[in-house]
Protein backbone atom coordinates (compact mmCIF):
# COMPACT_ATOMS: atom_id res chain seq x y z
CA MET A 1 15.12 22.06 -7.55
CA ARG A 2 13.56 20.99 -4.24
CA LEU A 3 11.95 17.92 -5.83
CA ARG A 4 15.30 16.87 -7.28
CA LEU A 5 16.95 17.21 -3.88
CA ILE A 6 14.21 15.10 -2.28
CA LEU A 7 14.46 12.53 -5.08
CA PHE A 8 18.22 12.03 -4.90
CA SER A 9 18.52 12.22 -1.11
CA SER A 10 15.71 9.73 -0.48
CA PHE A 11 17.04 7.34 -3.14
CA LEU A 12 20.62 7.45 -1.84
CA ILE A 13 19.66 7.08 1.82
CA SER A 14 17.56 4.01 1.03
CA LEU A 15 20.20 2.55 -1.30
CA VAL A 16 23.07 2.99 1.17
CA LEU A 17 21.20 2.19 4.38
CA THR A 18 19.54 -1.06 3.31
CA PRO A 19 22.71 -3.26 3.25
CA PHE A 20 23.55 -2.15 6.79
CA LEU A 21 20.04 -3.07 7.91
CA VAL A 22 20.39 -6.50 6.28
CA ASN A 23 23.50 -7.23 8.35
CA PHE A 24 22.00 -5.66 11.47
CA SER A 25 18.84 -7.73 11.09
CA ARG A 26 20.83 -10.95 10.71
CA LYS A 27 23.05 -10.11 13.67
CA LEU A 28 20.07 -9.54 15.97
CA LYS A 29 18.15 -12.42 14.35
CA ILE A 30 15.24 -10.16 13.39
CA LEU A 31 14.24 -12.55 10.63
CA ASP A 32 11.14 -13.75 8.83
CA TYR A 33 11.29 -17.51 9.24
CA PRO A 34 9.75 -19.98 6.75
CA ALA A 35 6.30 -21.27 7.68
CA GLU A 36 3.44 -23.19 6.12
CA ARG A 37 1.62 -20.04 5.07
CA LYS A 38 4.73 -18.35 3.64
CA ILE A 39 6.46 -18.99 0.33
CA HIS A 40 10.11 -18.31 1.19
CA ASP A 41 12.26 -21.23 2.33
CA VAL A 42 15.14 -19.52 4.19
CA PRO A 43 15.12 -17.00 7.07
CA MET A 44 15.05 -13.45 5.66
CA PRO A 45 15.99 -10.09 7.24
CA ARG A 46 12.82 -8.08 7.79
CA LEU A 47 13.99 -4.56 8.63
CA GLY A 48 13.72 -3.13 5.11
CA GLY A 49 10.91 -0.88 6.27
CA VAL A 50 13.38 1.03 8.44
CA ALA A 51 15.24 2.16 5.30
CA ILE A 52 11.98 3.23 3.63
CA TYR A 53 10.82 5.19 6.66
CA LEU A 54 14.14 6.91 7.38
CA ALA A 55 14.77 7.79 3.72
CA THR A 56 11.28 9.27 3.32
CA VAL A 57 11.36 11.26 6.55
CA ALA A 58 14.98 12.44 6.25
CA SER A 59 14.52 13.72 2.68
CA LEU A 60 11.44 15.68 3.77
CA PHE A 61 12.65 16.70 7.21
CA PHE A 62 13.01 20.45 6.70
CA GLY A 63 9.61 20.70 5.04
CA ILE A 64 7.54 18.33 7.15
CA PHE A 65 6.58 20.82 9.84
CA SER A 66 5.83 23.63 7.38
CA SER A 67 2.49 22.00 6.60
CA ALA A 68 -0.12 20.81 9.10
CA LYS A 69 -1.07 17.97 6.78
CA LEU A 70 2.50 16.77 6.25
CA THR A 71 3.05 17.01 10.00
CA ALA A 72 -0.01 14.81 10.58
CA ILE A 73 1.24 12.26 8.05
CA PHE A 74 4.63 12.29 9.79
CA TRP A 75 3.16 11.56 13.23
CA GLY A 76 0.57 9.11 11.95
CA GLY A 77 3.12 7.38 9.71
CA THR A 78 5.61 7.21 12.57
CA LEU A 79 3.02 5.50 14.77
CA ILE A 80 2.22 3.00 12.01
CA PHE A 81 5.93 2.38 11.40
CA LEU A 82 6.71 1.81 15.10
CA LEU A 83 3.78 -0.59 15.50
CA GLY A 84 4.96 -2.51 12.45
CA LEU A 85 8.52 -2.55 13.75
CA ALA A 86 7.35 -3.91 17.10
CA ASP A 87 5.40 -6.58 15.23
CA ASP A 88 8.50 -7.49 13.20
CA ILE A 89 10.71 -7.76 16.29
CA ARG A 90 8.51 -9.45 18.87
CA GLY A 91 4.93 -9.52 17.58
CA ILE A 92 1.92 -7.54 18.80
CA SER A 93 -1.77 -8.35 19.05
CA ALA A 94 -4.27 -7.60 16.31
CA SER A 95 -6.18 -5.33 18.70
CA SER A 96 -3.05 -3.22 19.28
CA ARG A 97 -2.49 -2.89 15.53
CA LEU A 98 -6.10 -1.91 14.92
CA LEU A 99 -6.09 0.65 17.74
CA GLY A 100 -2.85 2.17 16.44
CA GLN A 101 -4.22 2.40 12.90
CA ILE A 102 -7.39 4.09 14.13
CA ILE A 103 -5.36 6.60 16.17
CA ALA A 104 -3.17 7.32 13.12
CA SER A 105 -6.34 7.91 11.08
CA VAL A 106 -7.67 10.31 13.72
CA ILE A 107 -4.37 12.22 13.59
CA LEU A 108 -4.96 12.75 9.86
CA ILE A 109 -8.56 13.82 10.40
CA SER A 110 -7.51 16.34 13.06
CA SER A 111 -5.32 18.09 10.48
CA GLY A 112 -8.08 18.30 7.88
CA ILE A 113 -7.20 15.18 5.89
CA SER A 114 -10.50 13.38 5.37
CA ILE A 115 -12.87 12.19 2.69
CA ASP A 116 -15.37 14.90 1.76
CA VAL A 117 -18.55 13.27 0.47
CA PHE A 118 -21.38 14.02 2.89
CA PRO A 119 -22.65 17.54 3.76
CA GLY A 120 -22.48 19.27 7.16
CA PRO A 121 -25.01 17.36 9.32
CA PHE A 122 -23.55 14.05 8.16
CA ASN A 123 -19.91 15.08 8.45
CA PHE A 124 -19.30 12.32 10.98
CA LEU A 125 -19.80 9.84 8.12
CA ASN A 126 -16.86 11.44 6.30
CA TYR A 127 -14.69 10.78 9.35
CA LEU A 128 -15.91 7.20 9.67
CA ILE A 129 -15.22 6.46 6.00
CA THR A 130 -11.79 8.09 6.33
CA VAL A 131 -10.87 5.72 9.16
CA VAL A 132 -12.12 2.73 7.15
CA TRP A 133 -10.17 3.94 4.09
CA ILE A 134 -6.87 4.45 5.95
CA VAL A 135 -7.11 1.19 7.89
CA GLY A 136 -8.18 -0.62 4.72
CA ILE A 137 -5.40 0.67 2.43
CA THR A 138 -2.77 0.21 5.14
CA ASN A 139 -3.64 -3.47 5.45
CA ALA A 140 -4.35 -3.99 1.74
CA VAL A 141 -0.76 -3.11 0.83
CA ASN A 142 0.52 -5.28 3.68
CA TYR A 143 -1.50 -8.23 2.34
CA LEU A 144 0.22 -7.96 -1.05
CA ASP A 145 3.70 -8.04 0.47
CA GLY A 146 3.94 -11.78 -0.14
CA VAL A 147 6.26 -12.10 -3.15
CA ASP A 148 9.74 -10.64 -3.66
CA GLY A 149 9.38 -7.06 -4.87
CA LEU A 150 5.59 -7.04 -5.24
CA ALA A 151 4.66 -4.41 -2.65
CA THR A 152 7.71 -2.33 -3.60
CA LEU A 153 7.01 -2.29 -7.35
CA LEU A 154 3.27 -1.90 -6.78
CA GLY A 155 3.96 1.12 -4.58
CA ILE A 156 6.21 2.63 -7.26
CA SER A 157 3.57 2.16 -9.97
CA ILE A 158 0.83 3.69 -7.80
CA LEU A 159 3.02 6.64 -6.83
CA GLY A 160 3.93 7.11 -10.50
CA CYS A 161 0.26 7.67 -11.35
CA PHE A 162 -0.21 10.08 -8.46
CA THR A 163 2.97 11.90 -9.55
CA TYR A 164 1.65 12.50 -13.06
CA ILE A 165 -1.61 14.02 -11.84
CA GLY A 166 0.29 16.00 -9.21
CA PHE A 167 2.47 17.57 -11.90
CA ILE A 168 -0.29 18.48 -14.34
CA SER A 169 -2.40 19.91 -11.50
CA ASN A 170 0.52 21.81 -9.89
CA GLN A 171 0.14 20.10 -6.50
CA PHE A 172 3.83 20.48 -5.73
CA TRP A 173 3.31 20.47 -1.96
CA LEU A 174 1.95 16.91 -2.29
CA LEU A 175 4.59 15.89 -4.83
CA ASN A 176 7.26 16.33 -2.16
CA LEU A 177 5.76 13.43 -0.20
CA ILE A 178 5.05 11.31 -3.28
CA VAL A 179 8.58 11.70 -4.65
CA ALA A 180 10.18 11.07 -1.24
CA LEU A 181 8.41 7.74 -0.78
CA GLY A 182 8.79 6.74 -4.43
CA ALA A 183 12.55 7.40 -4.42
CA ALA A 184 12.95 5.44 -1.17
CA LEU A 185 11.21 2.47 -2.80
CA LEU A 186 13.43 2.75 -5.89
CA GLY A 187 16.56 2.68 -3.74
CA PHE A 188 15.25 -0.32 -1.83
CA LEU A 189 14.17 -2.21 -4.97
CA ARG A 190 17.70 -3.39 -5.76
CA TYR A 191 17.69 -5.50 -2.60
CA ASN A 192 14.09 -6.68 -2.87
CA PHE A 193 13.66 -7.76 -6.50
CA PRO A 194 13.92 -10.06 -8.38
CA LYS A 195 15.58 -12.10 -5.62
CA ALA A 196 15.04 -10.49 -2.23
CA LYS A 197 17.93 -10.06 0.18
CA VAL A 198 15.63 -8.32 2.65
CA PHE A 199 11.89 -7.97 3.24
CA LEU A 200 9.95 -4.77 3.90
CA GLY A 201 8.50 -6.28 7.04
CA ASP A 202 5.27 -5.01 8.56
CA SER A 203 7.01 -1.72 9.38
CA GLY A 204 7.60 -1.09 5.69
CA SER A 205 4.43 -2.43 4.08
CA ASN A 206 2.15 -0.78 6.66
CA PHE A 207 3.98 2.55 6.39
CA ILE A 208 3.72 2.46 2.59
CA GLY A 209 0.02 1.59 2.77
CA PHE A 210 -0.69 4.35 5.29
CA VAL A 211 1.04 7.02 3.19
CA LEU A 212 -0.66 5.84 -0.02
CA GLY A 213 -4.02 5.96 1.75
CA ALA A 214 -3.33 9.49 2.98
CA ILE A 215 -2.22 10.65 -0.48
CA GLY A 216 -5.39 9.20 -1.96
CA ILE A 217 -7.64 11.45 0.13
CA MET A 218 -5.54 14.59 0.56
CA GLY A 219 -4.88 15.35 -3.10
CA THR A 220 -7.20 17.16 -5.53
CA TRP A 221 -7.72 14.49 -8.17
CA ALA A 222 -10.63 16.05 -10.05
CA GLN A 223 -13.12 18.91 -9.86
CA ASP A 224 -16.29 16.83 -10.14
CA SER A 225 -17.44 15.48 -6.77
CA VAL A 226 -18.03 11.97 -8.16
CA VAL A 227 -14.95 11.77 -10.38
CA LYS A 228 -12.60 12.83 -7.57
CA ILE A 229 -13.68 9.74 -5.63
CA PHE A 230 -13.07 7.38 -8.53
CA VAL A 231 -9.54 8.58 -9.37
CA PRO A 232 -7.72 7.33 -6.22
CA VAL A 233 -9.91 4.22 -6.14
CA PHE A 234 -8.76 3.37 -9.68
CA ILE A 235 -5.11 4.09 -8.93
CA LEU A 236 -5.26 1.94 -5.77
CA GLY A 237 -7.55 -0.56 -7.48
CA VAL A 238 -5.39 -3.68 -7.19
CA PRO A 239 -4.80 -3.64 -3.42
CA ILE A 240 -8.41 -2.57 -2.82
CA PHE A 241 -9.81 -5.38 -4.95
CA ASP A 242 -7.48 -8.03 -3.52
CA MET A 243 -8.45 -7.03 0.01
CA CYS A 244 -12.19 -7.00 -0.75
CA PHE A 245 -12.20 -10.26 -2.73
CA THR A 246 -10.08 -12.12 -0.18
CA THR A 247 -12.16 -10.80 2.72
CA VAL A 248 -15.45 -11.86 1.09
CA MET A 249 -14.08 -15.34 0.34
CA ARG A 250 -12.77 -15.77 3.89
CA ILE A 251 -16.12 -14.72 5.36
CA LYS A 252 -17.94 -17.06 2.97
CA GLU A 253 -15.66 -19.94 3.97
CA LYS A 254 -16.07 -19.02 7.68
CA LYS A 255 -12.34 -18.44 8.14
CA ILE A 256 -12.86 -15.04 9.77
CA HIS A 257 -15.72 -13.70 11.89
CA ASP A 258 -14.68 -10.21 13.03
CA VAL A 259 -12.26 -7.36 12.34
CA LEU A 260 -9.55 -8.71 14.65
CA GLU A 261 -9.59 -12.09 12.90
CA TRP A 262 -9.47 -10.20 9.59
CA LEU A 263 -6.26 -8.49 10.74
CA GLU A 264 -4.75 -11.63 12.25
CA TYR A 265 -5.55 -14.24 9.60
CA ALA A 266 -2.68 -15.15 7.29
CA GLY A 267 -3.47 -17.36 4.32
CA LYS A 268 -2.15 -18.20 0.87
CA ASP A 269 -5.30 -16.99 -0.87
CA HIS A 270 -4.34 -13.53 -2.15
CA PHE A 271 -4.04 -12.48 -5.79
CA HIS A 272 -0.35 -13.41 -6.02
CA HIS A 273 -0.86 -16.81 -4.37
CA ARG A 274 -3.70 -17.67 -6.73
CA LEU A 275 -1.69 -16.66 -9.81
CA MET A 276 1.19 -18.87 -8.66
CA ASN A 277 -1.30 -21.72 -8.24
CA LEU A 278 -2.05 -21.30 -11.96
CA GLY A 279 1.61 -22.00 -12.74
CA LEU A 280 3.05 -18.50 -13.12
CA SER A 281 6.55 -17.86 -11.79
CA ARG A 282 6.99 -15.37 -8.97
CA ILE A 283 8.59 -12.79 -11.27
CA TRP A 284 5.75 -13.00 -13.79
CA VAL A 285 3.21 -12.74 -10.99
CA VAL A 286 4.82 -9.44 -9.96
CA TYR A 287 4.87 -8.19 -13.56
CA LEU A 288 1.24 -9.16 -14.19
CA ILE A 289 -0.09 -7.59 -10.99
CA CYS A 290 1.88 -4.37 -11.52
CA ALA A 291 0.76 -4.22 -15.17
CA THR A 292 -2.85 -4.55 -14.01
CA SER A 293 -2.25 -1.78 -11.50
CA MET A 294 -0.79 0.46 -14.21
CA ILE A 295 -3.79 -0.14 -16.49
CA LEU A 296 -6.14 0.87 -13.70
CA GLY A 297 -3.86 3.78 -12.77
CA ILE A 298 -3.84 5.08 -16.34
CA SER A 299 -7.63 4.85 -16.31
CA GLY A 300 -7.56 7.01 -13.19
CA ILE A 301 -5.29 9.51 -14.94
CA VAL A 302 -7.67 9.66 -17.91
CA LEU A 303 -10.47 10.46 -15.49
CA TYR A 304 -8.71 13.64 -14.37
CA ASN A 305 -10.75 16.57 -15.72
CA SER A 306 -13.23 14.13 -17.27
CA GLU A 307 -16.98 14.54 -17.15
CA ARG A 308 -19.15 12.45 -14.86
CA ALA A 309 -20.47 10.42 -17.81
CA ASP A 310 -16.89 9.47 -18.71
CA ALA A 311 -16.34 8.38 -15.12
CA TYR A 312 -19.24 5.94 -15.33
CA PHE A 313 -17.86 4.57 -18.61
CA MET A 314 -14.41 4.09 -17.07
CA LEU A 315 -16.04 2.46 -14.06
CA ALA A 316 -17.67 -0.05 -16.40
CA GLN A 317 -14.25 -0.78 -17.93
CA ALA A 318 -12.75 -1.28 -14.48
CA PHE A 319 -15.63 -3.59 -13.59
CA PHE A 320 -14.76 -5.71 -16.63
CA ILE A 321 -11.11 -5.87 -15.54
CA PHE A 322 -12.15 -6.93 -12.04
CA ILE A 323 -14.36 -9.68 -13.48
CA ILE A 324 -11.31 -11.09 -15.30
CA ILE A 325 -9.25 -10.85 -12.11
CA SER A 326 -12.05 -12.56 -10.16
CA ILE A 327 -12.11 -15.44 -12.64
CA LEU A 328 -8.33 -15.85 -12.35
CA MET A 329 -8.52 -15.76 -8.55
CA VAL A 330 -11.31 -18.35 -8.45
CA MET A 331 -9.38 -20.57 -10.86
CA GLY A 332 -6.26 -20.17 -8.72
CA GLY A 333 -8.22 -21.09 -5.62
CA LYS A 334 -9.63 -24.25 -7.24
CA THR A 335 -6.17 -25.29 -8.42
CA SER A 336 -4.87 -24.94 -4.87
CA CYS A 337 -7.70 -27.08 -3.51
CA LYS A 338 -6.99 -29.84 -6.06
CA GLU A 339 -3.30 -29.85 -5.14
CA GLN A 340 -4.11 -30.20 -1.44
CA SER A 341 -6.62 -33.02 -1.96
């Protein structure tokens, strides 16, 4: 009953609130203007993230402070949202964004949300990896918010996989958060795909990425110590791979030299850009990327309660998928270079 209430309230708040934010954003000229490194050609409202944040928080409000972990996600997510909102409205420095994301990660760690891989004496490594994970996933989702509906649909597909495992493992306390965010994205989708009337903005994409990163490390995704690491990595495989591949290529091409440049750099070299360079329409790019995410997500679901040997086999399958994606991304990059020459 509680999950249904969260589902419907979050969906309706997002559905009803978004049109008001579109008009409000236009009135105050909080718009995402066309630029060389962007693919839209008209100014677009960019306050969609406000609807996602408010719908998620409002639907969970009476249960947020009943759990230390949900409380930490609320405060950390609020910080991430406000930083993104400030960036949408007036712009903030990369160092401010990075500092805020690190602080939000520390808030999670202080409540007991952290990766648990290394034993006692090396516990500090768990905390370090947790910060890298949260900062990485937060930005990875933001990087994929470059085509109408992509980050929204990708978030829905990822949350769908987490929802299934949450149900079969009776993690209902975590399902409250998953369903709240998923329903908010569903309500927002009508205005964001296939032809966007509003963008998520940094406030929305960063908030989604932060919550997905937190879900990935706070849930119990398997009993085996190795398998439980692979499951969220598989489910979040597309944004993780896009971030890693793009980062490696930018370092190789000497486009970035440090973490701040990594955060600041905006280029048309992500998975979706490269697929469009191959001639795919924007809608089919969204479908293909989300289908790839679902395939990896289903692999993660299969891993639940699997033996370690099965995990290695599934990892080999995922490696094969990533090789195909790498080939497509390299081909897309070469096509772009030919067009520019």
